[in-house]
Amino acid sequence: MKQPLNTIALSAVALPDAEGGAVPEWIRIVPKGGAVAYDGRGGYTYRDAAKVIAASFGFSPKIHIDVNHATETAAKAGLASEAQGYVIEMEEREDGIWGRVDWNASGKALMADRRYWGISPVLFHTKDTKEIVAIKNVALTNDPAERRLVAFSAKETDGMDILEELAEMLGLPSGASADDVKAAIKKMKGGDGEATAALQAVATALGAQSDAGQAELVTMVAALQAKTDQVTALQARVEQLETDGKAKASEGWLQSMLQAGYGIPATQHDTLRDLYAENPERAEGLAKSFPKLGKSELAARAAPPAAEISALSAEQKVVADQLGIPHDTMLAQLQAEQKEAV
């Protein structure tokens, strides 16, 4: 079963010390080991930094840096959320994942003036295991207790999607869409006490002020839907990256087995590739159960001519196919044997 992805903003990580107005080129984005969120929740960790980095840049070619999570808060209300720079490269170090930043003019000014002491990343993570999947964006901050961000960006429910929770509050049937929720909110304008109480509950669930009006709530629901679509796209991208990585590793392993001389029939190649992606040790054992052919045996079965070999004959190609050996590998082996025999 696929685990749903959620977003979380981590507590501030101190910026590197800078002297004489120096602007740091590299900043630590995610600390090694367990990290905590703004509201005190902990245990957010990554297992494979390379996958996190690949997924992050797969989602966006560069990761923007704003101030005080403006993208997650101010932008939802149509306010400014300019980037101060962009993370264009990441690498794993002993103390966590670091990013190299291409600061713009305003970002360089903020850094040189030391106006912010820390950064806070917004991360995608699995809900149940709290495993960090990707880095969404980064914020410069002096305030690691921004509660509204936690209420909106890090909202988690007990097995219920937030849109479903809002639909239930508004008396809508299960499976109601974001448009259904927005329409229900609009109908409540000027309603009775019960309708007002429902709107206040919706405002609380969205992380808005208790007196938030209809327009603000409708806008926030629209933003929530956009974020849900974004997370779905990221999850699909992460899964595709993982699938592609496994396929590449399986093919590389199979070729290494063939080059080592194991006579694996071509009819078994797909089966072994699939098995390696799920259980490398079992695939290795099965591959090695096939006879390992030495150079002399290969030469005998391929019957190379005395003349210099520049290409495989039709018969040699048939032999290679029967043995499950790529033609170029077979040709290289025969050429090597011929040189040794001279």
Protein backbone atom coordinates (compact mmCIF):
# COMPACT_ATOMS: atom_id res chain seq x y z
CA MET A 1 0.00 0.00 0.00
CA LYS A 2 1.36 3.41 -0.96
CA GLN A 3 1.90 5.81 1.90
CA PRO A 4 0.39 9.31 1.49
CA LEU A 5 2.84 12.20 1.39
CA ASN A 6 2.54 15.22 3.67
CA THR A 7 4.49 18.45 4.03
CA ILE A 8 6.26 19.60 7.16
CA ALA A 9 8.40 22.62 8.03
CA LEU A 10 11.40 21.83 10.22
CA SER A 11 12.68 23.97 13.05
CA ALA A 12 15.39 26.44 12.09
CA VAL A 13 18.86 25.11 11.26
CA ALA A 14 21.64 27.60 12.04
CA LEU A 15 23.33 29.22 9.06
CA PRO A 16 27.10 28.81 8.73
CA ASP A 17 29.14 31.45 10.56
CA ALA A 18 30.13 34.32 8.29
CA GLU A 19 32.65 37.04 9.00
CA GLY A 20 33.14 40.40 7.39
CA GLY A 21 29.84 40.31 5.49
CA ALA A 22 30.70 37.04 3.71
CA VAL A 23 27.77 35.33 2.01
CA PRO A 24 27.71 31.54 2.56
CA GLU A 25 27.71 29.55 -0.66
CA TRP A 26 26.72 26.28 1.03
CA ILE A 27 24.05 25.91 3.72
CA ARG A 28 22.95 22.85 5.66
CA ILE A 29 19.33 22.16 4.71
CA VAL A 30 18.49 18.92 6.55
CA PRO A 31 20.41 17.77 9.64
CA LYS A 32 21.61 14.20 9.92
CA GLY A 33 19.52 12.03 12.21
CA GLY A 34 16.10 12.86 13.59
CA ALA A 35 14.79 16.37 12.93
CA VAL A 36 11.93 18.17 14.64
CA ALA A 37 9.11 20.31 13.30
CA TYR A 38 8.00 23.78 14.35
CA ASP A 39 5.39 22.35 16.72
CA GLY A 40 7.77 19.93 18.42
CA ARG A 41 6.97 16.75 16.48
CA GLY A 42 10.11 14.78 15.76
CA GLY A 43 11.51 11.74 14.03
CA TYR A 44 11.68 13.13 10.50
CA THR A 45 14.63 11.35 8.90
CA TYR A 46 15.98 10.34 5.52
CA ARG A 47 17.41 6.94 4.66
CA ASP A 48 18.93 7.63 1.27
CA ALA A 49 20.22 11.16 0.71
CA ALA A 50 20.84 10.51 -2.98
CA LYS A 51 17.18 9.61 -3.53
CA VAL A 52 16.01 12.68 -1.59
CA ILE A 53 18.25 14.93 -3.70
CA ALA A 54 17.18 13.30 -6.96
CA ALA A 55 13.48 13.57 -6.04
CA SER A 56 13.86 17.20 -5.01
CA PHE A 57 15.42 18.26 -8.31
CA GLY A 58 13.06 15.95 -10.20
CA PHE A 59 10.23 18.03 -8.78
CA SER A 60 11.90 21.36 -9.64
CA PRO A 61 15.24 22.13 -11.38
CA LYS A 62 16.07 24.61 -8.62
CA ILE A 63 14.69 24.99 -5.10
CA HIS A 64 13.77 28.52 -4.12
CA ILE A 65 14.61 30.23 -0.83
CA ASP A 66 12.10 32.73 0.57
CA VAL A 67 11.72 34.59 3.87
CA ASN A 68 9.64 33.25 6.78
CA HIS A 69 7.93 30.67 4.57
CA ALA A 70 6.20 33.35 2.51
CA THR A 71 5.44 30.79 -0.19
CA GLU A 72 3.49 28.71 2.31
CA THR A 73 1.70 31.62 4.02
CA ALA A 74 1.70 35.05 2.40
CA ALA A 75 1.43 33.68 -1.14
CA LYS A 76 -1.83 31.92 -0.23
CA ALA A 77 -3.37 35.34 0.38
CA GLY A 78 -1.90 36.84 -2.79
CA LEU A 79 0.93 38.65 -1.00
CA ALA A 80 4.57 38.89 -2.01
CA SER A 81 6.77 35.79 -1.70
CA GLU A 82 9.87 36.61 -3.71
CA ALA A 83 12.80 34.22 -3.82
CA GLN A 84 16.07 35.37 -2.25
CA GLY A 85 18.05 32.74 -4.09
CA TYR A 86 17.93 29.18 -5.37
CA VAL A 87 19.48 25.90 -4.27
CA ILE A 88 21.07 24.59 -7.47
CA GLU A 89 23.14 21.70 -6.11
CA MET A 90 22.97 19.39 -3.07
CA GLU A 91 25.29 16.85 -1.52
CA GLU A 92 25.33 14.63 1.55
CA ARG A 93 27.89 15.37 4.25
CA GLU A 94 28.54 13.80 7.63
CA ASP A 95 26.12 16.15 9.39
CA GLY A 96 23.31 16.18 6.84
CA ILE A 97 22.25 17.35 3.38
CA TRP A 98 23.85 20.60 2.24
CA GLY A 99 22.87 22.85 -0.65
CA ARG A 100 24.83 25.25 -2.82
CA VAL A 101 22.90 28.51 -3.23
CA ASP A 102 22.79 30.92 -6.13
CA TRP A 103 21.80 34.07 -4.17
CA ASN A 104 20.15 36.95 -6.00
CA ALA A 105 20.92 40.60 -5.15
CA SER A 106 18.36 40.88 -2.34
CA GLY A 107 19.42 37.52 -0.91
CA LYS A 108 23.08 38.53 -0.87
CA ALA A 109 22.15 41.77 0.93
CA LEU A 110 20.21 39.86 3.59
CA MET A 111 23.06 37.43 4.11
CA ALA A 112 25.77 40.09 4.17
CA ASP A 113 23.77 42.07 6.74
CA ARG A 114 23.19 38.89 8.79
CA ARG A 115 19.48 39.64 9.13
CA TYR A 116 18.56 35.97 9.56
CA TRP A 117 20.30 33.42 11.75
CA GLY A 118 18.76 30.25 10.41
CA ILE A 119 16.96 28.43 7.62
CA SER A 120 13.94 26.13 7.73
CA PRO A 121 13.19 23.60 4.97
CA VAL A 122 9.70 22.52 3.93
CA LEU A 123 9.79 18.79 3.26
CA PHE A 124 7.64 16.10 1.73
CA HIS A 125 7.47 13.04 4.01
CA THR A 126 5.51 9.82 4.39
CA LYS A 127 2.82 10.12 7.01
CA ASP A 128 3.26 6.86 8.88
CA THR A 129 7.05 6.48 8.92
CA LYS A 130 7.96 10.20 8.74
CA GLU A 131 10.59 9.39 6.16
CA ILE A 132 11.79 12.47 4.26
CA VAL A 133 11.11 12.02 0.55
CA ALA A 134 12.05 15.39 -0.97
CA ILE A 135 12.84 19.02 -0.19
CA LYS A 136 10.11 21.39 -1.42
CA ASN A 137 11.62 24.79 -0.58
CA VAL A 138 13.70 26.61 2.06
CA ALA A 139 13.07 29.72 4.15
CA LEU A 140 15.29 32.22 5.92
CA THR A 141 13.89 32.70 9.40
CA ASN A 142 14.42 34.09 12.89
CA ASP A 143 11.14 32.67 14.16
CA PRO A 144 11.02 28.88 14.59
CA ALA A 145 7.57 29.06 16.19
CA GLU A 146 5.38 30.23 13.30
CA ARG A 147 2.17 28.51 14.35
CA ARG A 148 0.05 29.35 11.36
CA LEU A 149 2.50 27.60 9.10
CA VAL A 150 2.24 24.47 11.20
CA ALA A 151 -1.55 24.51 11.17
CA PHE A 152 -1.74 24.90 7.40
CA SER A 153 1.38 23.30 5.97
CA ALA A 154 1.82 20.42 8.40
CA LYS A 155 -1.83 19.44 8.81
CA GLU A 156 -2.18 15.71 9.44
CA THR A 157 -5.38 13.76 10.04
CA ASP A 158 -6.11 10.28 11.32
CA GLY A 159 -6.31 8.47 8.01
CA MET A 160 -8.60 11.12 6.53
CA ASP A 161 -7.61 13.52 3.76
CA ILE A 162 -8.13 17.15 4.77
CA LEU A 163 -10.59 17.73 1.93
CA GLU A 164 -12.66 14.82 3.22
CA GLU A 165 -12.51 16.30 6.71
CA LEU A 166 -13.73 19.67 5.43
CA ALA A 167 -16.51 17.99 3.47
CA GLU A 168 -17.67 16.20 6.60
CA MET A 169 -17.69 19.48 8.57
CA LEU A 170 -19.86 21.05 5.86
CA GLY A 171 -22.24 18.11 5.68
CA LEU A 172 -21.13 17.04 2.21
CA PRO A 173 -21.02 13.40 1.06
CA SER A 174 -17.78 11.42 1.04
CA GLY A 175 -15.67 12.06 -2.03
CA ALA A 176 -16.68 15.72 -2.36
CA SER A 177 -14.24 17.74 -4.46
CA ALA A 178 -12.51 21.03 -3.68
CA ASP A 179 -15.11 22.78 -5.87
CA ASP A 180 -17.92 21.21 -3.80
CA VAL A 181 -16.26 22.48 -0.61
CA LYS A 182 -15.86 25.99 -2.03
CA ALA A 183 -19.50 26.05 -3.18
CA ALA A 184 -20.68 24.98 0.28
CA ILE A 185 -18.64 27.73 1.92
CA LYS A 186 -20.14 30.34 -0.41
CA LYS A 187 -23.68 29.20 0.42
CA MET A 188 -23.03 29.80 4.12
CA LYS A 189 -22.56 33.54 3.72
CA GLY A 190 -25.03 35.24 6.03
CA GLY A 191 -26.22 31.90 7.38
CA ASP A 192 -27.54 31.02 10.84
CA GLY A 193 -25.56 30.20 13.97
CA GLU A 194 -25.00 26.60 12.92
CA ALA A 195 -23.58 27.70 9.57
CA THR A 196 -21.32 30.22 11.29
CA ALA A 197 -20.00 27.52 13.64
CA ALA A 198 -19.27 25.28 10.65
CA LEU A 199 -17.33 28.07 8.96
CA GLN A 200 -15.29 28.62 12.11
CA ALA A 201 -14.48 24.90 12.21
CA VAL A 202 -13.38 25.05 8.57
CA ALA A 203 -11.22 28.09 9.33
CA THR A 204 -9.54 26.23 12.19
CA ALA A 205 -8.88 23.18 10.03
CA LEU A 206 -7.27 25.36 7.37
CA GLY A 207 -5.16 27.26 9.86
CA ALA A 208 -6.94 30.58 9.20
CA GLN A 209 -8.07 33.11 11.80
CA SER A 210 -11.38 32.21 13.47
CA ASP A 211 -13.02 35.31 11.93
CA ALA A 212 -11.79 34.58 8.41
CA GLY A 213 -14.33 35.47 5.76
CA GLN A 214 -15.78 33.49 2.91
CA ALA A 215 -13.36 34.80 0.28
CA GLU A 216 -10.29 33.93 2.37
CA LEU A 217 -11.53 30.40 3.10
CA VAL A 218 -12.42 29.74 -0.54
CA THR A 219 -8.95 30.92 -1.58
CA MET A 220 -7.29 28.67 0.98
CA VAL A 221 -9.30 25.65 -0.20
CA ALA A 222 -8.19 26.37 -3.76
CA ALA A 223 -4.58 26.57 -2.57
CA LEU A 224 -5.04 23.28 -0.72
CA GLN A 225 -6.27 21.59 -3.88
CA ALA A 226 -3.29 22.95 -5.82
CA LYS A 227 -0.94 21.63 -3.15
CA THR A 228 -2.66 18.22 -3.21
CA ASP A 229 -2.18 18.03 -6.98
CA GLN A 230 1.45 19.07 -6.55
CA VAL A 231 2.11 16.37 -3.96
CA THR A 232 0.43 13.75 -6.14
CA ALA A 233 2.67 14.73 -9.05
CA LEU A 234 5.75 14.59 -6.82
CA GLN A 235 4.81 11.17 -5.47
CA ALA A 236 4.43 9.87 -9.01
CA ARG A 237 7.82 11.36 -9.92
CA VAL A 238 9.49 9.79 -6.89
CA GLU A 239 8.00 6.39 -7.72
CA GLN A 240 9.16 6.71 -11.35
CA LEU A 241 12.69 7.64 -10.26
CA GLU A 242 12.76 4.61 -7.98
CA THR A 243 11.48 2.33 -10.76
CA ASP A 244 14.01 3.70 -13.25
CA GLY A 245 16.82 3.28 -10.74
CA LYS A 246 15.92 -0.34 -10.08
CA ALA A 247 15.69 -1.09 -13.80
CA LYS A 248 19.11 0.44 -14.45
CA ALA A 249 20.67 -1.46 -11.56
CA SER A 250 19.08 -4.74 -12.70
CA GLU A 251 20.34 -4.34 -16.25
CA GLY A 252 23.84 -3.49 -15.06
CA TRP A 253 23.91 -6.51 -12.80
CA LEU A 254 22.70 -8.86 -15.56
CA GLN A 255 25.36 -7.60 -17.94
CA SER A 256 28.02 -8.18 -15.28
CA MET A 257 26.85 -11.78 -14.90
CA LEU A 258 26.99 -12.34 -18.65
CA GLN A 259 30.41 -10.73 -18.95
CA ALA A 260 31.62 -12.96 -16.11
CA GLY A 261 30.82 -15.90 -18.39
CA TYR A 262 27.62 -17.31 -16.88
CA GLY A 263 25.63 -19.01 -19.65
CA ILE A 264 22.24 -17.50 -18.80
CA PRO A 265 19.71 -18.20 -21.59
CA ALA A 266 18.14 -15.11 -23.15
CA THR A 267 14.70 -16.45 -22.19
CA GLN A 268 15.64 -15.95 -18.52
CA HIS A 269 16.94 -12.39 -18.76
CA ASP A 270 13.65 -10.60 -18.02
CA THR A 271 12.87 -12.95 -15.15
CA LEU A 272 16.25 -12.38 -13.52
CA ARG A 273 16.05 -8.59 -14.02
CA ASP A 274 12.67 -8.48 -12.26
CA LEU A 275 13.87 -10.77 -9.48
CA TYR A 276 17.01 -8.68 -8.91
CA ALA A 277 14.90 -5.54 -8.43
CA GLU A 278 13.02 -7.27 -5.58
CA ASN A 279 15.61 -9.68 -4.16
CA PRO A 280 19.22 -9.20 -5.36
CA GLU A 281 20.61 -12.10 -3.30
CA ARG A 282 18.16 -14.63 -4.73
CA ALA A 283 18.75 -13.39 -8.27
CA GLU A 284 22.51 -13.67 -7.75
CA GLY A 285 22.14 -17.25 -6.56
CA LEU A 286 20.01 -18.26 -9.53
CA ALA A 287 22.32 -16.58 -12.03
CA LYS A 288 25.31 -18.42 -10.60
CA SER A 289 23.48 -21.74 -10.88
CA PHE A 290 23.99 -21.58 -14.65
CA PRO A 291 27.28 -23.02 -15.95
CA LYS A 292 30.17 -20.58 -16.13
CA LEU A 293 31.74 -20.85 -19.53
CA GLY A 294 35.49 -20.44 -19.87
CA LYS A 295 37.18 -18.82 -22.84
CA SER A 296 38.13 -22.14 -24.37
CA GLU A 297 34.57 -23.39 -24.23
CA LEU A 298 33.24 -20.17 -25.69
CA ALA A 299 35.79 -20.38 -28.46
CA ALA A 300 34.94 -24.01 -29.18
CA ARG A 301 31.20 -23.36 -29.32
CA ALA A 302 31.64 -20.22 -31.44
CA ALA A 303 34.33 -21.86 -33.66
CA PRO A 304 36.26 -18.65 -34.40
CA PRO A 305 38.23 -18.67 -37.66
CA ALA A 306 41.98 -18.28 -37.82
CA ALA A 307 41.69 -14.93 -39.58
CA GLU A 308 41.39 -11.76 -37.50
CA ILE A 309 37.89 -11.40 -36.13
CA SER A 310 36.22 -8.08 -36.85
CA ALA A 311 32.59 -9.14 -36.56
CA LEU A 312 30.58 -12.17 -35.51
CA SER A 313 29.46 -14.62 -38.10
CA ALA A 314 25.81 -15.66 -38.34
CA GLU A 315 26.66 -18.92 -36.54
CA GLN A 316 28.49 -17.06 -33.79
CA LYS A 317 25.52 -14.75 -33.29
CA VAL A 318 23.25 -17.78 -32.89
CA VAL A 319 25.62 -19.23 -30.29
CA ALA A 320 25.75 -15.90 -28.45
CA ASP A 321 21.95 -15.71 -28.44
CA GLN A 322 21.65 -19.25 -27.13
CA LEU A 323 24.07 -18.45 -24.32
CA GLY A 324 22.37 -15.14 -23.56
CA ILE A 325 25.58 -13.19 -24.20
CA PRO A 326 25.38 -9.78 -25.92
CA HIS A 327 26.98 -9.79 -29.36
CA ASP A 328 29.52 -7.11 -28.49
CA THR A 329 30.58 -9.03 -25.38
CA MET A 330 30.95 -12.23 -27.38
CA LEU A 331 33.00 -10.43 -30.03
CA ALA A 332 35.32 -8.92 -27.42
CA GLN A 333 35.89 -12.31 -25.78
CA LEU A 334 36.70 -13.99 -29.09
CA GLN A 335 39.06 -11.19 -30.08
CA ALA A 336 40.85 -11.42 -26.71
CA GLU A 337 41.22 -15.19 -27.07
CA GLN A 338 42.56 -14.82 -30.59
CA LYS A 339 45.21 -12.33 -29.41
CA GLU A 340 46.31 -14.63 -26.59
CA ALA A 341 46.67 -17.52 -29.03
CA VAL A 342 49.02 -15.57 -31.32
